Amino acid sequence: MNKWTEQNNRLIKLFEFKNFEKAFAFMTAVASVAEKMDHHPTWTNSWNKVYIELNTHSAGGNVTDKDRALAQAIDKIENESNG
């Protein structure tokens, strides 16, 4: 599992899954958690890959504890998806 990196005021990470269905299921799970946290990622999906960027627009586009909390929640979802 690769780690989140901070670049240009964003936490970024690329996730890779067995196939598109697994990637999409991951995105669905992340969407549910993000909605509950009222904090939404910027992301793209191409087949089995999901690229995520996190920052807080209301904090001037900087990385905040809100981003770190969502990143931690996303990692937990990834671990459960690959479990």
C-alpha atoms as a PDB file:
ATOM      1  CA  MET A   1       0.000   0.000   0.000  1.00  0.00           C
ATOM      2  CA  ASN A   2       1.440   3.350  -0.962  1.00  0.00           C
ATOM      3  CA  LYS A   3       1.200   6.351   1.355  1.00  0.00           C
ATOM      4  CA  TRP A   4      -0.438   9.731   1.037  1.00  0.00           C
ATOM      5  CA  THR A   5       1.945  12.441  -0.084  1.00  0.00           C
ATOM      6  CA  GLU A   6       1.512  16.170   0.307  1.00  0.00           C
ATOM      7  CA  GLN A   7       2.158  18.206  -2.847  1.00  0.00           C
ATOM      8  CA  ASN A   8       0.966  21.673  -3.837  1.00  0.00           C
ATOM      9  CA  ASN A   9      -1.335  22.009  -0.801  1.00  0.00           C
ATOM     10  CA  ARG A  10      -2.996  18.647  -1.455  1.00  0.00           C
ATOM     11  CA  LEU A  11      -2.851  15.168  -0.017  1.00  0.00           C
ATOM     12  CA  ILE A  12      -2.631  12.790  -2.960  1.00  0.00           C
ATOM     13  CA  LYS A  13      -2.735   9.044  -3.401  1.00  0.00           C
ATOM     14  CA  LEU A  14      -3.219   6.560  -6.225  1.00  0.00           C
ATOM     15  CA  PHE A  15      -5.175   3.401  -5.427  1.00  0.00           C
ATOM     16  CA  GLU A  16      -5.093   0.299  -7.614  1.00  0.00           C
ATOM     17  CA  PHE A  17      -7.598  -2.557  -7.527  1.00  0.00           C
ATOM     18  CA  LYS A  18      -8.094  -5.940  -9.155  1.00  0.00           C
ATOM     19  CA  ASN A  19     -10.636  -4.579 -11.659  1.00  0.00           C
ATOM     20  CA  PHE A  20     -13.098  -1.783 -12.400  1.00  0.00           C
ATOM     21  CA  GLU A  21     -15.838  -3.287 -10.235  1.00  0.00           C
ATOM     22  CA  LYS A  22     -13.564  -3.279  -7.154  1.00  0.00           C
ATOM     23  CA  ALA A  23     -12.434   0.288  -7.898  1.00  0.00           C
ATOM     24  CA  PHE A  24     -16.028   1.457  -8.273  1.00  0.00           C
ATOM     25  CA  ALA A  25     -17.113  -0.300  -5.061  1.00  0.00           C
ATOM     26  CA  PHE A  26     -14.252   1.486  -3.270  1.00  0.00           C
ATOM     27  CA  MET A  27     -15.389   4.834  -4.674  1.00  0.00           C
ATOM     28  CA  THR A  28     -18.962   4.152  -3.564  1.00  0.00           C
ATOM     29  CA  ALA A  29     -17.789   3.387  -0.023  1.00  0.00           C
ATOM     30  CA  VAL A  30     -15.600   6.517   0.028  1.00  0.00           C
ATOM     31  CA  ALA A  31     -18.510   8.635  -1.235  1.00  0.00           C
ATOM     32  CA  SER A  32     -20.683   7.473   1.664  1.00  0.00           C
ATOM     33  CA  VAL A  33     -18.044   8.310   4.282  1.00  0.00           C
ATOM     34  CA  ALA A  34     -17.153  11.626   2.623  1.00  0.00           C
ATOM     35  CA  GLU A  35     -20.803  12.660   2.600  1.00  0.00           C
ATOM     36  CA  LYS A  36     -21.134  11.867   6.309  1.00  0.00           C
ATOM     37  CA  MET A  37     -17.989  13.912   6.998  1.00  0.00           C
ATOM     38  CA  ASP A  38     -19.237  16.703   4.714  1.00  0.00           C
ATOM     39  CA  HIS A  39     -15.827  16.676   3.051  1.00  0.00           C
ATOM     40  CA  HIS A  40     -15.524  15.582  -0.560  1.00  0.00           C
ATOM     41  CA  PRO A  41     -12.462  14.446  -2.515  1.00  0.00           C
ATOM     42  CA  THR A  42     -11.338  15.467  -5.941  1.00  0.00           C
ATOM     43  CA  TRP A  43     -10.834  12.208  -7.785  1.00  0.00           C
ATOM     44  CA  THR A  44     -10.559  10.441 -11.089  1.00  0.00           C
ATOM     45  CA  ASN A  45     -11.080   6.823 -12.052  1.00  0.00           C
ATOM     46  CA  SER A  46      -9.626   4.910 -14.963  1.00  0.00           C
ATOM     47  CA  TRP A  47     -10.496   1.210 -15.029  1.00  0.00           C
ATOM     48  CA  ASN A  48      -8.852  -0.222 -11.874  1.00  0.00           C
ATOM     49  CA  LYS A  49      -7.171   2.965 -10.663  1.00  0.00           C
ATOM     50  CA  VAL A  50      -8.565   5.719  -8.445  1.00  0.00           C
ATOM     51  CA  TYR A  51      -6.551   8.917  -7.981  1.00  0.00           C
ATOM     52  CA  ILE A  52      -7.579  11.088  -5.022  1.00  0.00           C
ATOM     53  CA  GLU A  53      -6.637  14.635  -4.005  1.00  0.00           C
ATOM     54  CA  LEU A  54      -7.710  16.157  -0.694  1.00  0.00           C
ATOM     55  CA  ASN A  55      -7.621  19.762   0.483  1.00  0.00           C
ATOM     56  CA  THR A  56     -10.007  22.127   2.230  1.00  0.00           C
ATOM     57  CA  HIS A  57     -11.441  24.863   0.040  1.00  0.00           C
ATOM     58  CA  SER A  58     -12.817  26.801   3.029  1.00  0.00           C
ATOM     59  CA  ALA A  59      -9.265  26.945   4.448  1.00  0.00           C
ATOM     60  CA  GLY A  60      -7.828  28.584   1.356  1.00  0.00           C
ATOM     61  CA  GLY A  61      -7.171  25.300  -0.411  1.00  0.00           C
ATOM     62  CA  ASN A  62      -4.769  24.085   2.262  1.00  0.00           C
ATOM     63  CA  VAL A  63      -4.453  20.658   3.835  1.00  0.00           C
ATOM     64  CA  THR A  64      -6.192  20.531   7.221  1.00  0.00           C
ATOM     65  CA  ASP A  65      -7.035  17.990   9.901  1.00  0.00           C
ATOM     66  CA  LYS A  66     -10.297  17.425   8.025  1.00  0.00           C
ATOM     67  CA  ASP A  67      -8.277  16.139   5.053  1.00  0.00           C
ATOM     68  CA  ARG A  68      -6.103  13.957   7.251  1.00  0.00           C
ATOM     69  CA  ALA A  69      -9.199  12.456   8.900  1.00  0.00           C
ATOM     70  CA  LEU A  70     -10.753  11.680   5.519  1.00  0.00           C
ATOM     71  CA  ALA A  71      -7.458  10.205   4.274  1.00  0.00           C
ATOM     72  CA  GLN A  72      -7.382   7.930   7.309  1.00  0.00           C
ATOM     73  CA  ALA A  73     -10.989   6.865   6.681  1.00  0.00           C
ATOM     74  CA  ILE A  74     -10.173   6.191   3.006  1.00  0.00           C
ATOM     75  CA  ASP A  75      -7.198   4.030   3.999  1.00  0.00           C
ATOM     76  CA  LYS A  76      -9.474   2.018   6.290  1.00  0.00           C
ATOM     77  CA  ILE A  77     -11.898   1.472   3.387  1.00  0.00           C
ATOM     78  CA  GLU A  78      -9.000   0.378   1.172  1.00  0.00           C
ATOM     79  CA  ASN A  79      -7.818  -2.107   3.812  1.00  0.00           C
ATOM     80  CA  GLU A  80     -11.338  -3.525   4.148  1.00  0.00           C
ATOM     81  CA  SER A  81     -11.710  -3.700   0.340  1.00  0.00           C
ATOM     82  CA  ASN A  82      -8.500  -5.662  -0.046  1.00  0.00           C
ATOM     83  CA  GLY A  83      -9.061  -7.630   3.192  1.00  0.00           C
END
